[in-house]
Amino acid sequence: MIEQLFPVEKSTVDLTASNFQANRQAWEPVLQEFDSYLKDVSSEGDEASTLRHQTRHQLLPRDRIALLLDADSPFLELGCFAGFRVSGSNSCANIIAGIGLVRVEELGMK
């Protein structure tokens, strides 16, 4: 289903080549830092807010989005770094926007 919309192309990159390994090693700290920032900005608020939602049996925003999307649909979140490192700004500028599949139709949501 998703493969029809987004066909997978065979890569010609040699994963065993020394220059690939050197590039991968050089990029590793950058990617770890990016993943750390991504985890921070995609948090669902502080622990107290998250716990308050859960004790009220409310779904967190990203959990609601996951229920809307097709089971095997990827979700490309857009703007997750909006407001990043801006004084007084909340993570993601309090907006979750992205592209996913609902009934195999491409859908943008915010």
N, C-alpha and C. Protein backbone atom coordinates (compact mmCIF):
# COMPACT_ATOMS: atom_id res chain seq x y z
N MET A 1 0.82 -1.18 0.00
CA MET A 1 0.00 0.00 0.00
C MET A 1 0.87 1.26 0.00
N ILE A 2 1.66 1.48 1.02
CA ILE A 2 2.51 2.66 1.07
C ILE A 2 3.61 2.59 0.02
N GLU A 3 4.01 1.35 -0.32
CA GLU A 3 5.05 1.16 -1.32
C GLU A 3 4.59 1.64 -2.70
N GLN A 4 3.29 1.60 -2.96
CA GLN A 4 2.77 2.08 -4.23
C GLN A 4 2.88 3.60 -4.32
N LEU A 5 2.66 4.27 -3.20
CA LEU A 5 2.74 5.73 -3.19
C LEU A 5 4.19 6.21 -3.16
N PHE A 6 5.01 5.51 -2.41
CA PHE A 6 6.40 5.89 -2.24
C PHE A 6 7.29 4.69 -2.55
N PRO A 7 7.55 4.43 -3.83
CA PRO A 7 8.37 3.26 -4.17
C PRO A 7 9.79 3.39 -3.62
N VAL A 8 10.33 2.28 -3.21
CA VAL A 8 11.69 2.24 -2.66
C VAL A 8 12.67 2.00 -3.80
N GLU A 9 13.65 2.86 -3.88
CA GLU A 9 14.69 2.71 -4.90
C GLU A 9 15.89 2.01 -4.28
N LYS A 10 16.56 1.18 -5.05
CA LYS A 10 17.75 0.48 -4.57
C LYS A 10 18.91 1.47 -4.53
N SER A 11 19.59 1.50 -3.41
CA SER A 11 20.71 2.42 -3.22
C SER A 11 21.96 1.90 -3.93
N THR A 12 22.75 2.82 -4.43
CA THR A 12 24.03 2.45 -5.04
C THR A 12 25.20 2.78 -4.11
N VAL A 13 24.89 3.21 -2.89
CA VAL A 13 25.92 3.56 -1.92
C VAL A 13 26.55 2.29 -1.36
N ASP A 14 27.86 2.25 -1.36
CA ASP A 14 28.59 1.11 -0.80
C ASP A 14 28.80 1.35 0.69
N LEU A 15 28.04 0.66 1.51
CA LEU A 15 28.10 0.86 2.96
C LEU A 15 29.40 0.38 3.58
N THR A 16 30.17 -0.40 2.83
CA THR A 16 31.44 -0.90 3.35
C THR A 16 32.63 -0.05 2.93
N ALA A 17 32.40 0.94 2.08
CA ALA A 17 33.49 1.79 1.59
C ALA A 17 34.08 2.62 2.73
N SER A 18 35.38 2.82 2.68
CA SER A 18 36.05 3.55 3.76
C SER A 18 35.57 5.00 3.86
N ASN A 19 35.31 5.65 2.71
CA ASN A 19 34.84 7.04 2.79
C ASN A 19 33.43 7.12 3.39
N PHE A 20 32.59 6.12 3.12
CA PHE A 20 31.26 6.09 3.74
C PHE A 20 31.40 5.95 5.25
N GLN A 21 32.25 5.03 5.69
CA GLN A 21 32.45 4.81 7.12
C GLN A 21 33.01 6.05 7.80
N ALA A 22 33.94 6.74 7.14
CA ALA A 22 34.51 7.97 7.70
C ALA A 22 33.44 9.06 7.82
N ASN A 23 32.63 9.21 6.77
CA ASN A 23 31.54 10.20 6.81
C ASN A 23 30.54 9.87 7.91
N ARG A 24 30.22 8.60 8.02
CA ARG A 24 29.26 8.18 9.04
C ARG A 24 29.78 8.49 10.43
N GLN A 25 31.04 8.20 10.65
CA GLN A 25 31.66 8.46 11.95
C GLN A 25 31.71 9.96 12.24
N ALA A 26 32.00 10.77 11.22
CA ALA A 26 32.06 12.22 11.41
C ALA A 26 30.68 12.81 11.71
N TRP A 27 29.64 12.25 11.13
CA TRP A 27 28.28 12.76 11.32
C TRP A 27 27.61 12.24 12.59
N GLU A 28 28.14 11.20 13.18
CA GLU A 28 27.49 10.58 14.34
C GLU A 28 27.23 11.57 15.48
N PRO A 29 28.19 12.40 15.90
CA PRO A 29 27.90 13.35 16.99
C PRO A 29 26.83 14.37 16.60
N VAL A 30 26.82 14.79 15.35
CA VAL A 30 25.81 15.75 14.88
C VAL A 30 24.42 15.12 14.95
N LEU A 31 24.31 13.88 14.50
CA LEU A 31 23.02 13.19 14.51
C LEU A 31 22.54 12.90 15.93
N GLN A 32 23.46 12.59 16.83
CA GLN A 32 23.09 12.37 18.23
C GLN A 32 22.56 13.67 18.85
N GLU A 33 23.21 14.78 18.54
CA GLU A 33 22.75 16.07 19.05
C GLU A 33 21.37 16.41 18.47
N PHE A 34 21.18 16.17 17.17
CA PHE A 34 19.89 16.40 16.52
C PHE A 34 18.80 15.56 17.18
N ASP A 35 19.07 14.27 17.40
CA ASP A 35 18.10 13.39 18.05
C ASP A 35 17.74 13.88 19.45
N SER A 36 18.75 14.38 20.17
CA SER A 36 18.51 14.91 21.51
C SER A 36 17.59 16.13 21.45
N TYR A 37 17.86 17.04 20.53
CA TYR A 37 17.01 18.23 20.36
C TYR A 37 15.60 17.82 19.92
N LEU A 38 15.50 16.87 19.01
CA LEU A 38 14.20 16.42 18.52
C LEU A 38 13.37 15.83 19.66
N LYS A 39 14.02 15.07 20.53
CA LYS A 39 13.33 14.49 21.67
C LYS A 39 12.82 15.60 22.60
N ASP A 40 13.64 16.65 22.78
CA ASP A 40 13.23 17.76 23.64
C ASP A 40 12.03 18.51 23.06
N VAL A 41 12.10 18.85 21.77
CA VAL A 41 11.03 19.67 21.18
C VAL A 41 9.74 18.88 20.96
N SER A 42 9.83 17.57 20.88
CA SER A 42 8.61 16.78 20.66
C SER A 42 8.06 16.21 21.97
N SER A 43 8.54 16.74 23.09
CA SER A 43 7.98 16.28 24.37
C SER A 43 6.55 16.79 24.47
N GLU A 44 5.75 16.14 25.23
CA GLU A 44 4.33 16.48 25.36
C GLU A 44 4.09 17.41 26.54
N GLY A 45 5.08 18.21 26.89
CA GLY A 45 4.94 19.10 28.05
C GLY A 45 5.71 18.54 29.23
N ASP A 46 5.61 19.26 30.34
CA ASP A 46 6.33 18.80 31.53
C ASP A 46 5.63 17.58 32.13
N GLU A 47 6.29 16.95 33.08
CA GLU A 47 5.76 15.72 33.66
C GLU A 47 4.39 15.92 34.31
N ALA A 48 4.21 17.06 34.97
CA ALA A 48 2.94 17.32 35.66
C ALA A 48 1.79 17.41 34.66
N SER A 49 2.01 18.08 33.53
CA SER A 49 0.97 18.21 32.51
C SER A 49 0.63 16.86 31.89
N THR A 50 1.66 16.10 31.59
CA THR A 50 1.46 14.77 31.01
C THR A 50 0.68 13.88 31.97
N LEU A 51 1.07 13.90 33.22
CA LEU A 51 0.39 13.08 34.23
C LEU A 51 -1.06 13.52 34.40
N ARG A 52 -1.31 14.83 34.38
CA ARG A 52 -2.67 15.34 34.51
C ARG A 52 -3.55 14.82 33.36
N HIS A 53 -3.02 14.85 32.14
CA HIS A 53 -3.76 14.31 30.99
C HIS A 53 -4.07 12.83 31.19
N GLN A 54 -3.05 12.09 31.59
CA GLN A 54 -3.20 10.64 31.71
C GLN A 54 -4.16 10.26 32.83
N THR A 55 -4.14 10.99 33.96
CA THR A 55 -5.06 10.67 35.05
C THR A 55 -6.50 11.00 34.68
N ARG A 56 -6.68 11.92 33.75
CA ARG A 56 -8.03 12.25 33.25
C ARG A 56 -8.44 11.33 32.10
N HIS A 57 -7.60 10.37 31.79
CA HIS A 57 -7.82 9.44 30.67
C HIS A 57 -7.93 10.18 29.34
N GLN A 58 -7.13 11.23 29.20
CA GLN A 58 -7.08 11.98 27.95
C GLN A 58 -5.86 11.54 27.16
N LEU A 59 -6.01 11.52 25.86
CA LEU A 59 -4.88 11.17 25.00
C LEU A 59 -4.00 12.39 24.78
N LEU A 60 -2.71 12.16 24.72
CA LEU A 60 -1.78 13.23 24.38
C LEU A 60 -1.90 13.51 22.88
N PRO A 61 -1.54 14.71 22.44
CA PRO A 61 -1.74 15.09 21.03
C PRO A 61 -1.15 14.11 20.01
N ARG A 62 0.07 13.67 20.21
CA ARG A 62 0.68 12.76 19.23
C ARG A 62 0.02 11.38 19.26
N ASP A 63 -0.53 10.99 20.41
CA ASP A 63 -1.28 9.74 20.49
C ASP A 63 -2.58 9.85 19.70
N ARG A 64 -3.23 11.02 19.75
CA ARG A 64 -4.46 11.24 18.97
C ARG A 64 -4.16 11.17 17.48
N ILE A 65 -3.05 11.78 17.07
CA ILE A 65 -2.66 11.75 15.66
C ILE A 65 -2.41 10.31 15.22
N ALA A 66 -1.72 9.55 16.05
CA ALA A 66 -1.43 8.15 15.72
C ALA A 66 -2.71 7.35 15.51
N LEU A 67 -3.75 7.65 16.26
CA LEU A 67 -5.02 6.94 16.10
C LEU A 67 -5.74 7.34 14.81
N LEU A 68 -5.52 8.57 14.35
CA LEU A 68 -6.14 9.03 13.10
C LEU A 68 -5.51 8.40 11.87
N LEU A 69 -4.21 8.18 11.93
CA LEU A 69 -3.47 7.71 10.76
C LEU A 69 -3.68 6.22 10.52
N ASP A 70 -3.48 5.81 9.26
CA ASP A 70 -3.48 4.39 8.95
C ASP A 70 -2.40 3.70 9.79
N ALA A 71 -2.63 2.45 10.13
CA ALA A 71 -1.74 1.72 11.04
C ALA A 71 -0.29 1.71 10.58
N ASP A 72 -0.05 1.56 9.30
CA ASP A 72 1.33 1.47 8.82
C ASP A 72 1.81 2.77 8.19
N SER A 73 1.12 3.86 8.46
CA SER A 73 1.46 5.14 7.85
C SER A 73 2.59 5.84 8.61
N PRO A 74 3.58 6.31 7.89
CA PRO A 74 4.57 7.17 8.54
C PRO A 74 3.95 8.55 8.75
N PHE A 75 4.45 9.31 9.69
CA PHE A 75 3.98 10.68 9.92
C PHE A 75 5.19 11.59 9.84
N LEU A 76 5.21 12.45 8.84
CA LEU A 76 6.30 13.41 8.67
C LEU A 76 5.90 14.69 9.38
N GLU A 77 6.47 14.89 10.56
CA GLU A 77 6.13 16.09 11.33
C GLU A 77 6.89 17.28 10.76
N LEU A 78 6.15 18.35 10.52
CA LEU A 78 6.73 19.56 9.94
C LEU A 78 6.79 20.65 11.01
N GLY A 79 7.81 21.43 10.98
CA GLY A 79 7.90 22.57 11.89
C GLY A 79 8.20 22.20 13.33
N CYS A 80 8.77 21.01 13.55
CA CYS A 80 9.00 20.60 14.93
C CYS A 80 10.06 21.47 15.62
N PHE A 81 10.84 22.20 14.85
CA PHE A 81 11.82 23.09 15.45
C PHE A 81 11.37 24.56 15.44
N ALA A 82 10.09 24.80 15.16
CA ALA A 82 9.56 26.17 15.22
C ALA A 82 9.70 26.68 16.65
N GLY A 83 10.26 27.83 16.81
CA GLY A 83 10.45 28.40 18.13
C GLY A 83 11.61 27.80 18.90
N PHE A 84 12.41 26.97 18.26
CA PHE A 84 13.54 26.32 18.93
C PHE A 84 14.55 27.37 19.37
N ARG A 85 14.88 27.34 20.64
CA ARG A 85 15.84 28.26 21.26
C ARG A 85 15.41 29.72 21.15
N VAL A 86 14.12 29.97 21.06
CA VAL A 86 13.61 31.33 21.07
C VAL A 86 13.12 31.59 22.49
N SER A 87 13.58 32.67 23.07
CA SER A 87 13.23 32.99 24.45
C SER A 87 11.72 33.08 24.62
N GLY A 88 11.19 32.37 25.60
CA GLY A 88 9.77 32.41 25.90
C GLY A 88 8.91 31.56 24.99
N SER A 89 9.52 30.85 24.06
CA SER A 89 8.74 30.03 23.13
C SER A 89 8.59 28.61 23.66
N ASN A 90 7.47 28.01 23.37
CA ASN A 90 7.24 26.61 23.72
C ASN A 90 7.73 25.71 22.60
N SER A 91 7.99 24.45 22.95
CA SER A 91 8.45 23.52 21.92
C SER A 91 7.42 23.40 20.81
N CYS A 92 7.87 23.33 19.60
CA CYS A 92 7.04 23.21 18.39
C CYS A 92 6.08 24.38 18.24
N ALA A 93 6.31 25.46 18.96
CA ALA A 93 5.42 26.63 18.95
C ALA A 93 3.98 26.21 19.25
N ASN A 94 3.82 25.17 20.06
CA ASN A 94 2.51 24.64 20.46
C ASN A 94 1.67 24.13 19.30
N ILE A 95 2.30 23.78 18.19
CA ILE A 95 1.58 23.26 17.03
C ILE A 95 2.23 21.96 16.59
N ILE A 96 1.42 20.97 16.31
CA ILE A 96 1.91 19.74 15.69
C ILE A 96 1.29 19.69 14.31
N ALA A 97 2.12 19.76 13.30
CA ALA A 97 1.65 19.71 11.91
C ALA A 97 2.46 18.67 11.17
N GLY A 98 1.84 18.00 10.23
CA GLY A 98 2.58 17.00 9.50
C GLY A 98 1.76 16.37 8.39
N ILE A 99 2.37 15.39 7.76
CA ILE A 99 1.77 14.68 6.64
C ILE A 99 1.74 13.20 6.97
N GLY A 100 0.59 12.59 6.79
CA GLY A 100 0.43 11.16 7.03
C GLY A 100 -0.63 10.61 6.11
N LEU A 101 -0.94 9.35 6.24
CA LEU A 101 -1.95 8.70 5.39
C LEU A 101 -3.16 8.29 6.22
N VAL A 102 -4.34 8.64 5.70
CA VAL A 102 -5.61 8.22 6.27
C VAL A 102 -6.40 7.59 5.14
N ARG A 103 -6.68 6.30 5.28
CA ARG A 103 -7.35 5.54 4.22
C ARG A 103 -6.59 5.67 2.91
N VAL A 104 -5.30 5.64 2.99
CA VAL A 104 -4.36 5.69 1.87
C VAL A 104 -4.46 7.01 1.10
N GLU A 105 -5.12 8.01 1.66
CA GLU A 105 -5.15 9.35 1.06
C GLU A 105 -4.11 10.18 1.79
N GLU A 106 -3.30 10.92 1.03
CA GLU A 106 -2.32 11.79 1.66
C GLU A 106 -3.06 12.93 2.34
N LEU A 107 -2.69 13.22 3.57
CA LEU A 107 -3.42 14.18 4.37
C LEU A 107 -2.45 15.03 5.15
N GLY A 108 -2.66 16.34 5.11
CA GLY A 108 -1.91 17.25 5.96
C GLY A 108 -2.78 17.60 7.15
N MET A 109 -2.20 17.66 8.33
CA MET A 109 -3.01 18.01 9.51
C MET A 109 -2.22 18.92 10.41
N LYS A 110 -2.96 19.75 11.14
CA LYS A 110 -2.34 20.60 12.15
C LYS A 110 -3.28 20.76 13.32
